[in-house]
Amino acid sequence: MKSTEDLVGEIVTVRTIVGEELMGKLEGLASNKTILELHGLRVVTLDPDGQIMMLPYTLTGQDEVIGLPTRHVLSIVQSTPEASEGFQEDLDETPNQAEGPADLGEDTFSL
């Protein structure tokens, strides 16, 4: 079993104490090893057809690296090669800040 320090630089899967499954690239440990610094953090979930999908951890946040306190972590392991590949593809498809805001279409909501 690898230690958390051994996983720095790897794509990891994190299970939180509330049951969330997260994926991200472990960039490092901060604040006396009490905060995981995760790049490109994603929430792993299932779509209506039962297929695995990943959603950005924050939909409106600007930071690419999120600090996750270790007191919220139940486990952290290296992600499977297939999951790591899907994670990397998801990161490559996500627009970055330099591309500007996403085109959300016309707002047609009215009361």
PDB file of N, CA and C in Angstrom:
ATOM      1  N   MET A   1       0.840  -1.173   0.000  1.00  0.00           N
ATOM      2  CA  MET A   1       0.000   0.000   0.000  1.00  0.00           C
ATOM      3  C   MET A   1       0.886   1.237   0.000  1.00  0.00           C
ATOM      4  N   LYS A   2       0.551   2.185  -0.880  1.00  0.00           N
ATOM      5  CA  LYS A   2       1.334   3.416  -0.973  1.00  0.00           C
ATOM      6  C   LYS A   2       0.866   4.404   0.093  1.00  0.00           C
ATOM      7  N   SER A   3       1.816   5.193   0.585  1.00  0.00           N
ATOM      8  CA  SER A   3       1.457   6.271   1.501  1.00  0.00           C
ATOM      9  C   SER A   3       0.944   7.447   0.675  1.00  0.00           C
ATOM     10  N   THR A   4       0.286   8.378   1.331  1.00  0.00           N
ATOM     11  CA  THR A   4      -0.226   9.565   0.634  1.00  0.00           C
ATOM     12  C   THR A   4       0.915  10.324  -0.031  1.00  0.00           C
ATOM     13  N   GLU A   5       2.061  10.421   0.637  1.00  0.00           N
ATOM     14  CA  GLU A   5       3.209  11.116   0.057  1.00  0.00           C
ATOM     15  C   GLU A   5       3.672  10.441  -1.230  1.00  0.00           C
ATOM     16  N   ASP A   6       3.568   9.110  -1.288  1.00  0.00           N
ATOM     17  CA  ASP A   6       3.964   8.372  -2.488  1.00  0.00           C
ATOM     18  C   ASP A   6       3.044   8.654  -3.670  1.00  0.00           C
ATOM     19  N   LEU A   7       1.822   9.130  -3.396  1.00  0.00           N
ATOM     20  CA  LEU A   7       0.830   9.368  -4.447  1.00  0.00           C
ATOM     21  C   LEU A   7       0.918  10.764  -5.062  1.00  0.00           C
ATOM     22  N   VAL A   8       1.788  11.632  -4.519  1.00  0.00           N
ATOM     23  CA  VAL A   8       1.928  12.972  -5.068  1.00  0.00           C
ATOM     24  C   VAL A   8       2.359  12.867  -6.533  1.00  0.00           C
ATOM     25  N   GLY A   9       1.630  13.585  -7.397  1.00  0.00           N
ATOM     26  CA  GLY A   9       1.898  13.541  -8.837  1.00  0.00           C
ATOM     27  C   GLY A   9       1.033  12.532  -9.575  1.00  0.00           C
ATOM     28  N   GLU A  10       0.303  11.710  -8.839  1.00  0.00           N
ATOM     29  CA  GLU A  10      -0.546  10.680  -9.442  1.00  0.00           C
ATOM     30  C   GLU A  10      -2.003  11.138  -9.476  1.00  0.00           C
ATOM     31  N   ILE A  11      -2.799  10.529 -10.353  1.00  0.00           N
ATOM     32  CA  ILE A  11      -4.241  10.733 -10.344  1.00  0.00           C
ATOM     33  C   ILE A  11      -4.807   9.773  -9.306  1.00  0.00           C
ATOM     34  N   VAL A  12      -5.563  10.335  -8.363  1.00  0.00           N
ATOM     35  CA  VAL A  12      -6.029   9.556  -7.221  1.00  0.00           C
ATOM     36  C   VAL A  12      -7.555   9.579  -7.132  1.00  0.00           C
ATOM     37  N   THR A  13      -8.070   8.569  -6.440  1.00  0.00           N
ATOM     38  CA  THR A  13      -9.483   8.486  -6.106  1.00  0.00           C
ATOM     39  C   THR A  13      -9.598   8.653  -4.605  1.00  0.00           C
ATOM     40  N   VAL A  14     -10.465   9.585  -4.202  1.00  0.00           N
ATOM     41  CA  VAL A  14     -10.656   9.899  -2.782  1.00  0.00           C
ATOM     42  C   VAL A  14     -12.084   9.565  -2.409  1.00  0.00           C
ATOM     43  N   ARG A  15     -12.267   8.865  -1.295  1.00  0.00           N
ATOM     44  CA  ARG A  15     -13.599   8.632  -0.738  1.00  0.00           C
ATOM     45  C   ARG A  15     -13.693   9.497   0.509  1.00  0.00           C
ATOM     46  N   THR A  16     -14.704  10.365   0.535  1.00  0.00           N
ATOM     47  CA  THR A  16     -14.856  11.252   1.693  1.00  0.00           C
ATOM     48  C   THR A  16     -15.704  10.583   2.769  1.00  0.00           C
ATOM     49  N   ILE A  17     -15.692  11.163   3.945  1.00  0.00           N
ATOM     50  CA  ILE A  17     -16.439  10.572   5.063  1.00  0.00           C
ATOM     51  C   ILE A  17     -17.952  10.652   4.860  1.00  0.00           C
ATOM     52  N   VAL A  18     -18.413  11.486   3.923  1.00  0.00           N
ATOM     53  CA  VAL A  18     -19.849  11.546   3.634  1.00  0.00           C
ATOM     54  C   VAL A  18     -20.223  10.696   2.421  1.00  0.00           C
ATOM     55  N   GLY A  19     -19.260   9.945   1.877  1.00  0.00           N
ATOM     56  CA  GLY A  19     -19.550   9.005   0.805  1.00  0.00           C
ATOM     57  C   GLY A  19     -19.260   9.481  -0.599  1.00  0.00           C
ATOM     58  N   GLU A  20     -18.840  10.734  -0.784  1.00  0.00           N
ATOM     59  CA  GLU A  20     -18.504  11.211  -2.122  1.00  0.00           C
ATOM     60  C   GLU A  20     -17.274  10.476  -2.639  1.00  0.00           C
ATOM     61  N   GLU A  21     -17.264  10.227  -3.929  1.00  0.00           N
ATOM     62  CA  GLU A  21     -16.054   9.733  -4.575  1.00  0.00           C
ATOM     63  C   GLU A  21     -15.540  10.847  -5.471  1.00  0.00           C
ATOM     64  N   LEU A  22     -14.278  11.207  -5.269  1.00  0.00           N
ATOM     65  CA  LEU A  22     -13.644  12.302  -5.998  1.00  0.00           C
ATOM     66  C   LEU A  22     -12.424  11.782  -6.729  1.00  0.00           C
ATOM     67  N   MET A  23     -12.078  12.444  -7.828  1.00  0.00           N
ATOM     68  CA  MET A  23     -10.835  12.153  -8.548  1.00  0.00           C
ATOM     69  C   MET A  23     -10.109  13.451  -8.812  1.00  0.00           C
ATOM     70  N   GLY A  24      -8.801  13.394  -8.727  1.00  0.00           N
ATOM     71  CA  GLY A  24      -7.981  14.550  -9.044  1.00  0.00           C
ATOM     72  C   GLY A  24      -6.518  14.155  -9.058  1.00  0.00           C
ATOM     73  N   LYS A  25      -5.695  15.049  -9.553  1.00  0.00           N
ATOM     74  CA  LYS A  25      -4.250  14.828  -9.526  1.00  0.00           C
ATOM     75  C   LYS A  25      -3.736  15.401  -8.218  1.00  0.00           C
ATOM     76  N   LEU A  26      -3.126  14.559  -7.392  1.00  0.00           N
ATOM     77  CA  LEU A  26      -2.596  14.997  -6.106  1.00  0.00           C
ATOM     78  C   LEU A  26      -1.319  15.791  -6.341  1.00  0.00           C
ATOM     79  N   GLU A  27      -1.418  17.105  -6.115  1.00  0.00           N
ATOM     80  CA  GLU A  27      -0.284  18.009  -6.328  1.00  0.00           C
ATOM     81  C   GLU A  27       0.633  18.071  -5.111  1.00  0.00           C
ATOM     82  N   GLY A  28       0.075  17.831  -3.936  1.00  0.00           N
ATOM     83  CA  GLY A  28       0.900  17.896  -2.736  1.00  0.00           C
ATOM     84  C   GLY A  28       0.056  17.899  -1.483  1.00  0.00           C
ATOM     85  N   LEU A  29       0.755  18.043  -0.367  1.00  0.00           N
ATOM     86  CA  LEU A  29       0.130  18.121   0.951  1.00  0.00           C
ATOM     87  C   LEU A  29       0.534  19.448   1.562  1.00  0.00           C
ATOM     88  N   ALA A  30      -0.411  20.124   2.204  1.00  0.00           N
ATOM     89  CA  ALA A  30      -0.128  21.427   2.798  1.00  0.00           C
ATOM     90  C   ALA A  30      -0.511  21.415   4.270  1.00  0.00           C
ATOM     91  N   SER A  31      -0.136  22.491   4.947  1.00  0.00           N
ATOM     92  CA  SER A  31      -0.499  22.702   6.361  1.00  0.00           C
ATOM     93  C   SER A  31      -0.208  21.472   7.221  1.00  0.00           C
ATOM     94  N   ASN A  32       1.067  21.100   7.244  1.00  0.00           N
ATOM     95  CA  ASN A  32       1.500  19.970   8.071  1.00  0.00           C
ATOM     96  C   ASN A  32       0.778  18.674   7.702  1.00  0.00           C
ATOM     97  N   LYS A  33       0.589  18.457   6.401  1.00  0.00           N
ATOM     98  CA  LYS A  33      -0.031  17.255   5.841  1.00  0.00           C
ATOM     99  C   LYS A  33      -1.496  17.098   6.229  1.00  0.00           C
ATOM    100  N   THR A  34      -2.191  18.200   6.501  1.00  0.00           N
ATOM    101  CA  THR A  34      -3.607  18.113   6.857  1.00  0.00           C
ATOM    102  C   THR A  34      -4.527  18.552   5.721  1.00  0.00           C
ATOM    103  N   ILE A  35      -3.953  18.960   4.585  1.00  0.00           N
ATOM    104  CA  ILE A  35      -4.752  19.372   3.427  1.00  0.00           C
ATOM    105  C   ILE A  35      -4.176  18.732   2.173  1.00  0.00           C
ATOM    106  N   LEU A  36      -5.041  18.039   1.427  1.00  0.00           N
ATOM    107  CA  LEU A  36      -4.649  17.498   0.133  1.00  0.00           C
ATOM    108  C   LEU A  36      -4.846  18.591  -0.907  1.00  0.00           C
ATOM    109  N   GLU A  37      -3.848  18.833  -1.731  1.00  0.00           N
ATOM    110  CA  GLU A  37      -3.965  19.789  -2.836  1.00  0.00           C
ATOM    111  C   GLU A  37      -4.223  18.992  -4.103  1.00  0.00           C
ATOM    112  N   LEU A  38      -5.448  19.123  -4.633  1.00  0.00           N
ATOM    113  CA  LEU A  38      -5.885  18.313  -5.763  1.00  0.00           C
ATOM    114  C   LEU A  38      -6.175  19.184  -6.983  1.00  0.00           C
ATOM    115  N   HIS A  39      -5.555  18.848  -8.099  1.00  0.00           N
ATOM    116  CA  HIS A  39      -5.734  19.575  -9.359  1.00  0.00           C
ATOM    117  C   HIS A  39      -6.859  18.923 -10.160  1.00  0.00           C
ATOM    118  N   GLY A  40      -7.746  19.770 -10.730  1.00  0.00           N
ATOM    119  CA  GLY A  40      -8.795  19.258 -11.624  1.00  0.00           C
ATOM    120  C   GLY A  40      -9.805  18.389 -10.911  1.00  0.00           C
ATOM    121  N   LEU A  41     -10.090  18.671  -9.662  1.00  0.00           N
ATOM    122  CA  LEU A  41     -10.949  17.809  -8.847  1.00  0.00           C
ATOM    123  C   LEU A  41     -12.306  17.574  -9.503  1.00  0.00           C
ATOM    124  N   ARG A  42     -12.722  16.318  -9.547  1.00  0.00           N
ATOM    125  CA  ARG A  42     -13.994  15.900 -10.131  1.00  0.00           C
ATOM    126  C   ARG A  42     -14.775  15.054  -9.128  1.00  0.00           C
ATOM    127  N   VAL A  43     -16.099  15.156  -9.194  1.00  0.00           N
ATOM    128  CA  VAL A  43     -16.992  14.282  -8.435  1.00  0.00           C
ATOM    129  C   VAL A  43     -17.354  13.130  -9.359  1.00  0.00           C
ATOM    130  N   VAL A  44     -17.182  11.915  -8.879  1.00  0.00           N
ATOM    131  CA  VAL A  44     -17.531  10.726  -9.653  1.00  0.00           C
ATOM    132  C   VAL A  44     -18.962  10.344  -9.285  1.00  0.00           C
ATOM    133  N   THR A  45     -19.793  10.176 -10.300  1.00  0.00           N
ATOM    134  CA  THR A  45     -21.199   9.851 -10.069  1.00  0.00           C
ATOM    135  C   THR A  45     -21.696   8.954 -11.194  1.00  0.00           C
ATOM    136  N   LEU A  46     -22.963   8.585 -11.130  1.00  0.00           N
ATOM    137  CA  LEU A  46     -23.571   7.768 -12.178  1.00  0.00           C
ATOM    138  C   LEU A  46     -24.610   8.593 -12.922  1.00  0.00           C
ATOM    139  N   ASP A  47     -24.661   8.408 -14.249  1.00  0.00           N
ATOM    140  CA  ASP A  47     -25.706   9.077 -15.024  1.00  0.00           C
ATOM    141  C   ASP A  47     -26.989   8.243 -14.926  1.00  0.00           C
ATOM    142  N   PRO A  48     -28.095   8.723 -15.495  1.00  0.00           N
ATOM    143  CA  PRO A  48     -29.363   7.981 -15.384  1.00  0.00           C
ATOM    144  C   PRO A  48     -29.312   6.557 -15.938  1.00  0.00           C
ATOM    145  N   ASP A  49     -28.375   6.291 -16.849  1.00  0.00           N
ATOM    146  CA  ASP A  49     -28.235   4.947 -17.418  1.00  0.00           C
ATOM    147  C   ASP A  49     -27.289   4.063 -16.622  1.00  0.00           C
ATOM    148  N   GLY A  50     -26.758   4.591 -15.509  1.00  0.00           N
ATOM    149  CA  GLY A  50     -25.858   3.809 -14.676  1.00  0.00           C
ATOM    150  C   GLY A  50     -24.408   3.843 -15.118  1.00  0.00           C
ATOM    151  N   GLN A  51     -24.078   4.724 -16.060  1.00  0.00           N
ATOM    152  CA  GLN A  51     -22.700   4.859 -16.532  1.00  0.00           C
ATOM    153  C   GLN A  51     -21.951   5.855 -15.648  1.00  0.00           C
ATOM    154  N   ILE A  52     -20.684   5.579 -15.420  1.00  0.00           N
ATOM    155  CA  ILE A  52     -19.867   6.481 -14.610  1.00  0.00           C
ATOM    156  C   ILE A  52     -19.630   7.781 -15.368  1.00  0.00           C
ATOM    157  N   MET A  53     -19.781   8.901 -14.651  1.00  0.00           N
ATOM    158  CA  MET A  53     -19.477  10.205 -15.235  1.00  0.00           C
ATOM    159  C   MET A  53     -18.779  11.055 -14.192  1.00  0.00           C
ATOM    160  N   MET A  54     -18.083  12.089 -14.639  1.00  0.00           N
ATOM    161  CA  MET A  54     -17.367  12.990 -13.745  1.00  0.00           C
ATOM    162  C   MET A  54     -17.863  14.414 -13.944  1.00  0.00           C
ATOM    163  N   LEU A  55     -18.074  15.097 -12.829  1.00  0.00           N
ATOM    164  CA  LEU A  55     -18.511  16.487 -12.841  1.00  0.00           C
ATOM    165  C   LEU A  55     -17.456  17.333 -12.141  1.00  0.00           C
ATOM    166  N   PRO A  56     -17.246  18.572 -12.585  1.00  0.00           N
ATOM    167  CA  PRO A  56     -16.319  19.437 -11.850  1.00  0.00           C
ATOM    168  C   PRO A  56     -16.758  19.570 -10.397  1.00  0.00           C
ATOM    169  N   TYR A  57     -15.807  19.588  -9.485  1.00  0.00           N
ATOM    170  CA  TYR A  57     -16.108  19.707  -8.060  1.00  0.00           C
ATOM    171  C   TYR A  57     -16.792  21.033  -7.761  1.00  0.00           C
ATOM    172  N   THR A  58     -16.328  22.096  -8.399  1.00  0.00           N
ATOM    173  CA  THR A  58     -17.009  23.392  -8.302  1.00  0.00           C
ATOM    174  C   THR A  58     -17.382  23.811  -9.713  1.00  0.00           C
ATOM    175  N   LEU A  59     -18.615  24.197  -9.880  1.00  0.00           N
ATOM    176  CA  LEU A  59     -19.085  24.585 -11.211  1.00  0.00           C
ATOM    177  C   LEU A  59     -18.758  26.032 -11.538  1.00  0.00           C
ATOM    178  N   THR A  60     -18.573  26.871 -10.519  1.00  0.00           N
ATOM    179  CA  THR A  60     -18.337  28.291 -10.778  1.00  0.00           C
ATOM    180  C   THR A  60     -17.015  28.780 -10.215  1.00  0.00           C
ATOM    181  N   GLY A  61     -16.235  27.915  -9.594  1.00  0.00           N
ATOM    182  CA  GLY A  61     -14.962  28.320  -9.007  1.00  0.00           C
ATOM    183  C   GLY A  61     -13.881  28.499 -10.050  1.00  0.00           C
ATOM    184  N   GLN A  62     -12.895  29.342  -9.727  1.00  0.00           N
ATOM    185  CA  GLN A  62     -11.803  29.620 -10.661  1.00  0.00           C
ATOM    186  C   GLN A  62     -10.535  28.833 -10.363  1.00  0.00           C
ATOM    187  N   ASP A  63     -10.369  28.345  -9.150  1.00  0.00           N
ATOM    188  CA  ASP A  63      -9.129  27.658  -8.799  1.00  0.00           C
ATOM    189  C   ASP A  63      -9.053  26.291  -9.451  1.00  0.00           C
ATOM    190  N   GLU A  64      -7.896  25.992 -10.029  1.00  0.00           N
ATOM    191  CA  GLU A  64      -7.693  24.677 -10.610  1.00  0.00           C
ATOM    192  C   GLU A  64      -7.216  23.679  -9.564  1.00  0.00           C
ATOM    193  N   VAL A  65      -6.645  24.194  -8.461  1.00  0.00           N
ATOM    194  CA  VAL A  65      -6.204  23.333  -7.366  1.00  0.00           C
ATOM    195  C   VAL A  65      -7.093  23.613  -6.164  1.00  0.00           C
ATOM    196  N   ILE A  66      -7.696  22.560  -5.644  1.00  0.00           N
ATOM    197  CA  ILE A  66      -8.609  22.652  -4.497  1.00  0.00           C
ATOM    198  C   ILE A  66      -7.930  22.014  -3.296  1.00  0.00           C
ATOM    199  N   GLY A  67      -8.047  22.660  -2.148  1.00  0.00           N
ATOM    200  CA  GLY A  67      -7.539  22.099  -0.903  1.00  0.00           C
ATOM    201  C   GLY A  67      -8.635  21.314  -0.199  1.00  0.00           C
ATOM    202  N   LEU A  68      -8.387  20.048   0.055  1.00  0.00           N
ATOM    203  CA  LEU A  68      -9.356  19.182   0.728  1.00  0.00           C
ATOM    204  C   LEU A  68      -8.773  18.762   2.076  1.00  0.00           C
ATOM    205  N   PRO A  69      -9.380  19.197   3.189  1.00  0.00           N
ATOM    206  CA  PRO A  69      -8.852  18.813   4.506  1.00  0.00           C
ATOM    207  C   PRO A  69      -8.875  17.291   4.690  1.00  0.00           C
ATOM    208  N   THR A  70      -7.794  16.745   5.190  1.00  0.00           N
ATOM    209  CA  THR A  70      -7.705  15.290   5.362  1.00  0.00           C
ATOM    210  C   THR A  70      -8.709  14.772   6.385  1.00  0.00           C
ATOM    211  N   ARG A  71      -9.213  15.617   7.263  1.00  0.00           N
ATOM    212  CA  ARG A  71     -10.210  15.153   8.239  1.00  0.00           C
ATOM    213  C   ARG A  71     -11.525  14.760   7.551  1.00  0.00           C
ATOM    214  N   HIS A  72     -11.687  15.140   6.270  1.00  0.00           N
ATOM    215  CA  HIS A  72     -12.880  14.784   5.499  1.00  0.00           C
ATOM    216  C   HIS A  72     -12.646  13.553   4.625  1.00  0.00           C
ATOM    217  N   VAL A  73     -11.466  12.954   4.711  1.00  0.00           N
ATOM    218  CA  VAL A  73     -11.092  11.857   3.817  1.00  0.00           C
ATOM    219  C   VAL A  73     -11.138  10.524   4.559  1.00  0.00           C
ATOM    220  N   LEU A  74     -11.863   9.574   3.965  1.00  0.00           N
ATOM    221  CA  LEU A  74     -11.913   8.222   4.493  1.00  0.00           C
ATOM    222  C   LEU A  74     -10.782   7.378   3.903  1.00  0.00           C
ATOM    223  N   SER A  75     -10.564   7.548   2.593  1.00  0.00           N
ATOM    224  CA  SER A  75      -9.481   6.803   1.943  1.00  0.00           C
ATOM    225  C   SER A  75      -8.996   7.552   0.707  1.00  0.00           C
ATOM    226  N   ILE A  76      -7.761   7.248   0.325  1.00  0.00           N
ATOM    227  CA  ILE A  76      -7.178   7.789  -0.910  1.00  0.00           C
ATOM    228  C   ILE A  76      -6.314   6.694  -1.524  1.00  0.00           C
ATOM    229  N   VAL A  77      -6.566   6.415  -2.807  1.00  0.00           N
ATOM    230  CA  VAL A  77      -5.823   5.382  -3.530  1.00  0.00           C
ATOM    231  C   VAL A  77      -5.505   5.885  -4.933  1.00  0.00           C
ATOM    232  N   GLN A  78      -4.529   5.258  -5.552  1.00  0.00           N
ATOM    233  CA  GLN A  78      -4.230   5.577  -6.944  1.00  0.00           C
ATOM    234  C   GLN A  78      -5.398   5.089  -7.797  1.00  0.00           C
ATOM    235  N   SER A  79      -5.840   5.917  -8.736  1.00  0.00           N
ATOM    236  CA  SER A  79      -6.955   5.555  -9.617  1.00  0.00           C
ATOM    237  C   SER A  79      -6.525   4.462 -10.588  1.00  0.00           C
ATOM    238  N   THR A  80      -7.498   3.690 -11.051  1.00  0.00           N
ATOM    239  CA  THR A  80      -7.201   2.654 -12.042  1.00  0.00           C
ATOM    240  C   THR A  80      -6.743   3.319 -13.337  1.00  0.00           C
ATOM    241  N   PRO A  81      -5.999   2.608 -14.167  1.00  0.00           N
ATOM    242  CA  PRO A  81      -5.548   3.198 -15.438  1.00  0.00           C
ATOM    243  C   PRO A  81      -6.713   3.680 -16.311  1.00  0.00           C
ATOM    244  N   GLU A  82      -7.806   2.916 -16.355  1.00  0.00           N
ATOM    245  CA  GLU A  82      -8.959   3.303 -17.171  1.00  0.00           C
ATOM    246  C   GLU A  82      -9.588   4.587 -16.640  1.00  0.00           C
ATOM    247  N   ALA A  83      -9.741   4.685 -15.314  1.00  0.00           N
ATOM    248  CA  ALA A  83     -10.321   5.879 -14.707  1.00  0.00           C
ATOM    249  C   ALA A  83      -9.394   7.079 -14.905  1.00  0.00           C
ATOM    250  N   SER A  84      -8.096   6.858 -14.774  1.00  0.00           N
ATOM    251  CA  SER A  84      -7.125   7.941 -14.977  1.00  0.00           C
ATOM    252  C   SER A  84      -7.197   8.481 -16.394  1.00  0.00           C
ATOM    253  N   GLU A  85      -7.356   7.581 -17.358  1.00  0.00           N
ATOM    254  CA  GLU A  85      -7.459   7.996 -18.759  1.00  0.00           C
ATOM    255  C   GLU A  85      -8.735   8.820 -18.974  1.00  0.00           C
ATOM    256  N   GLY A  86      -9.848   8.379 -18.402  1.00  0.00           N
ATOM    257  CA  GLY A  86     -11.098   9.125 -18.507  1.00  0.00           C
ATOM    258  C   GLY A  86     -11.004  10.483 -17.837  1.00  0.00           C
ATOM    259  N   PHE A  87     -10.324  10.531 -16.699  1.00  0.00           N
ATOM    260  CA  PHE A  87     -10.124  11.789 -15.986  1.00  0.00           C
ATOM    261  C   PHE A  87      -9.327  12.760 -16.850  1.00  0.00           C
ATOM    262  N   GLN A  88      -8.249  12.280 -17.449  1.00  0.00           N
ATOM    263  CA  GLN A  88      -7.404  13.136 -18.286  1.00  0.00           C
ATOM    264  C   GLN A  88      -8.170  13.634 -19.502  1.00  0.00           C
ATOM    265  N   GLU A  89      -8.981  12.763 -20.108  1.00  0.00           N
ATOM    266  CA  GLU A  89      -9.804  13.179 -21.248  1.00  0.00           C
ATOM    267  C   GLU A  89     -10.791  14.260 -20.823  1.00  0.00           C
ATOM    268  N   ASP A  90     -11.390  14.092 -19.638  1.00  0.00           N
ATOM    269  CA  ASP A  90     -12.342  15.079 -19.123  1.00  0.00           C
ATOM    270  C   ASP A  90     -11.649  16.423 -18.894  1.00  0.00           C
ATOM    271  N   LEU A  91     -10.442  16.393 -18.345  1.00  0.00           N
ATOM    272  CA  LEU A  91      -9.692  17.639 -18.142  1.00  0.00           C
ATOM    273  C   LEU A  91      -9.377  18.318 -19.468  1.00  0.00           C
ATOM    274  N   ASP A  92      -9.007  17.518 -20.464  1.00  0.00           N
ATOM    275  CA  ASP A  92      -8.650  18.072 -21.781  1.00  0.00           C
ATOM    276  C   ASP A  92      -9.854  18.709 -22.470  1.00  0.00           C
ATOM    277  N   GLU A  93     -11.066  18.202 -22.188  1.00  0.00           N
ATOM    278  CA  GLU A  93     -12.279  18.721 -22.826  1.00  0.00           C
ATOM    279  C   GLU A  93     -12.839  19.940 -22.108  1.00  0.00           C
ATOM    280  N   THR A  94     -12.458  20.163 -20.843  1.00  0.00           N
ATOM    281  CA  THR A  94     -13.001  21.266 -20.062  1.00  0.00           C
ATOM    282  C   THR A  94     -12.373  22.572 -20.511  1.00  0.00           C
ATOM    283  N   PRO A  95     -13.200  23.572 -20.887  1.00  0.00           N
ATOM    284  CA  PRO A  95     -12.624  24.855 -21.300  1.00  0.00           C
ATOM    285  C   PRO A  95     -11.879  25.508 -20.150  1.00  0.00           C
ATOM    286  N   ASN A  96     -10.786  26.197 -20.478  1.00  0.00           N
ATOM    287  CA  ASN A  96     -10.052  26.887 -19.410  1.00  0.00           C
ATOM    288  C   ASN A  96     -10.464  28.345 -19.359  1.00  0.00           C
ATOM    289  N   GLN A  97      -9.968  29.033 -18.346  1.00  0.00           N
ATOM    290  CA  GLN A  97     -10.352  30.427 -18.127  1.00  0.00           C
ATOM    291  C   GLN A  97     -10.012  31.314 -19.329  1.00  0.00           C
ATOM    292  N   ALA A  98      -8.934  31.006 -20.045  1.00  0.00           N
ATOM    293  CA  ALA A  98      -8.490  31.855 -21.143  1.00  0.00           C
ATOM    294  C   ALA A  98      -9.488  31.853 -22.308  1.00  0.00           C
ATOM    295  N   GLU A  99     -10.292  30.812 -22.424  1.00  0.00           N
ATOM    296  CA  GLU A  99     -11.241  30.714 -23.520  1.00  0.00           C
ATOM    297  C   GLU A  99     -12.485  31.555 -23.273  1.00  0.00           C
ATOM    298  N   GLY A 100     -12.632  32.088 -22.071  1.00  0.00           N
ATOM    299  CA  GLY A 100     -13.780  32.925 -21.765  1.00  0.00           C
ATOM    300  C   GLY A 100     -14.965  32.105 -21.299  1.00  0.00           C
ATOM    301  N   PRO A 101     -16.078  32.778 -21.042  1.00  0.00           N
ATOM    302  CA  PRO A 101     -17.242  32.076 -20.512  1.00  0.00           C
ATOM    303  C   PRO A 101     -17.861  31.142 -21.537  1.00  0.00           C
ATOM    304  N   ALA A 102     -18.518  30.130 -21.021  1.00  0.00           N
ATOM    305  CA  ALA A 102     -19.212  29.188 -21.888  1.00  0.00           C
ATOM    306  C   ALA A 102     -20.447  29.856 -22.480  1.00  0.00           C
ATOM    307  N   ASP A 103     -20.832  29.437 -23.672  1.00  0.00           N
ATOM    308  CA  ASP A 103     -22.036  29.942 -24.292  1.00  0.00           C
ATOM    309  C   ASP A 103     -23.217  29.156 -23.729  1.00  0.00           C
ATOM    310  N   LEU A 104     -23.997  29.791 -22.866  1.00  0.00           N
ATOM    311  CA  LEU A 104     -25.114  29.117 -22.230  1.00  0.00           C
ATOM    312  C   LEU A 104     -26.414  29.297 -23.006  1.00  0.00           C
ATOM    313  N   GLY A 105     -26.370  29.962 -24.137  1.00  0.00           N
ATOM    314  CA  GLY A 105     -27.569  30.156 -24.941  1.00  0.00           C
ATOM    315  C   GLY A 105     -28.408  31.306 -24.405  1.00  0.00           C
ATOM    316  N   GLU A 106     -29.542  31.487 -25.026  1.00  0.00           N
ATOM    317  CA  GLU A 106     -30.446  32.571 -24.647  1.00  0.00           C
ATOM    318  C   GLU A 106     -31.231  32.187 -23.404  1.00  0.00           C
ATOM    319  N   ASP A 107     -31.400  33.147 -22.497  1.00  0.00           N
ATOM    320  CA  ASP A 107     -32.193  32.927 -21.285  1.00  0.00           C
ATOM    321  C   ASP A 107     -33.653  33.120 -21.655  1.00  0.00           C
ATOM    322  N   THR A 108     -34.421  32.038 -21.613  1.00  0.00           N
ATOM    323  CA  THR A 108     -35.823  32.117 -21.992  1.00  0.00           C
ATOM    324  C   THR A 108     -36.759  31.994 -20.806  1.00  0.00           C
ATOM    325  N   PHE A 109     -36.225  32.022 -19.606  1.00  0.00           N
ATOM    326  CA  PHE A 109     -37.048  31.897 -18.407  1.00  0.00           C
ATOM    327  C   PHE A 109     -37.847  33.174 -18.178  1.00  0.00           C
ATOM    328  N   SER A 110     -39.110  33.032 -17.857  1.00  0.00           N
ATOM    329  CA  SER A 110     -39.929  34.183 -17.489  1.00  0.00           C
ATOM    330  C   SER A 110     -41.009  33.724 -16.527  1.00  0.00           C
ATOM    331  N   LEU A 111     -41.533  34.661 -15.755  1.00  0.00           N
ATOM    332  CA  LEU A 111     -42.592  34.336 -14.793  1.00  0.00           C
ATOM    333  C   LEU A 111     -43.944  34.646 -15.363  1.00  0.00           C
TER     334      LEU A 111
END
